[in-house]
Structure formats: structure tokens, C-alpha cells
Amino acid sequence: MIVLGIILLVVGFVTGIGILWTIGIILAVIGAILWVLGAMGHAVAGRRHYW
């Protein structure tokens, strides 16, 4: 999810499409939150680890 967010950020920046930039930021932030929760040992979406 983090990688997809970064890809959308880059594509949105290069093409000038604002909605891709916004979606990229949202996906990157959600991915980072899930990654941190998984690293802390919390079960995320029924999984013990979130990669």
C-alpha cells in the first residue's frame, strides 16, 4: 500500500493531476500506520504481522 501510494504521488506530480496526488498521500499514510501497528505486534486485519 505504501508503494502504491508513492507511485500515485509521483504520477500525480508529473502529470499535474491533483486527485492522484491526494489519493497517493492517503494510501501512503494508511500504509505507514498499518506498518507501524504490525511492527508493534498488534493484529492488523486478522493478521499477526502486516508486511
Protein backbone atom coordinates (compact mmCIF):
# COMPACT_ATOMS: atom_id res chain seq x y z
CA MET A 1 0.00 0.00 0.00
CA ILE A 2 2.90 2.33 0.72
CA VAL A 3 4.46 1.57 -2.66
CA LEU A 4 1.17 2.19 -4.47
CA GLY A 5 0.80 5.50 -2.62
CA ILE A 6 4.29 6.59 -3.64
CA ILE A 7 3.67 5.60 -7.26
CA LEU A 8 0.44 7.63 -7.30
CA LEU A 9 2.25 10.59 -5.72
CA VAL A 10 4.89 10.54 -8.44
CA VAL A 11 2.38 10.09 -11.28
CA GLY A 12 0.14 12.83 -9.87
CA PHE A 13 3.10 15.19 -9.52
CA VAL A 14 4.44 14.53 -13.01
CA THR A 15 1.07 14.76 -14.80
CA GLY A 16 -0.36 17.52 -12.64
CA ILE A 17 -3.47 15.54 -11.72
CA GLY A 18 -4.43 16.61 -8.21
CA ILE A 19 -6.69 13.68 -7.37
CA LEU A 20 -3.85 11.19 -7.89
CA TRP A 21 -1.66 13.27 -5.59
CA THR A 22 -4.38 13.25 -2.89
CA ILE A 23 -5.07 9.51 -3.19
CA GLY A 24 -1.33 8.82 -3.09
CA ILE A 25 -0.92 10.76 0.15
CA ILE A 26 -3.87 8.95 1.74
CA LEU A 27 -2.61 5.50 0.72
CA ALA A 28 0.93 6.22 1.88
CA VAL A 29 -0.28 7.43 5.30
CA ILE A 30 -2.63 4.47 5.79
CA GLY A 31 0.10 2.06 4.72
CA ALA A 32 2.56 3.62 7.16
CA ILE A 33 0.05 3.39 10.02
CA LEU A 34 -0.66 -0.28 9.28
CA TRP A 35 3.06 -0.98 9.04
CA VAL A 36 3.74 0.63 12.42
CA LEU A 37 0.84 -1.23 14.05
CA GLY A 38 2.06 -4.52 12.63
CA ALA A 39 5.62 -3.82 13.77
CA MET A 40 4.38 -3.15 17.30
CA GLY A 41 2.80 -6.60 17.42
CA HIS A 42 -0.85 -5.62 17.07
CA ALA A 43 -3.03 -7.83 14.89
CA VAL A 44 -3.99 -5.89 11.75
CA ALA A 45 -7.00 -7.17 9.77
CA GLY A 46 -6.76 -10.56 11.45
CA ARG A 47 -3.03 -10.98 10.76
CA ARG A 48 -0.31 -11.04 13.39
CA HIS A 49 2.09 -9.14 11.08
CA TYR A 50 1.44 -6.67 8.29
CA TRP A 51 4.07 -6.54 5.57
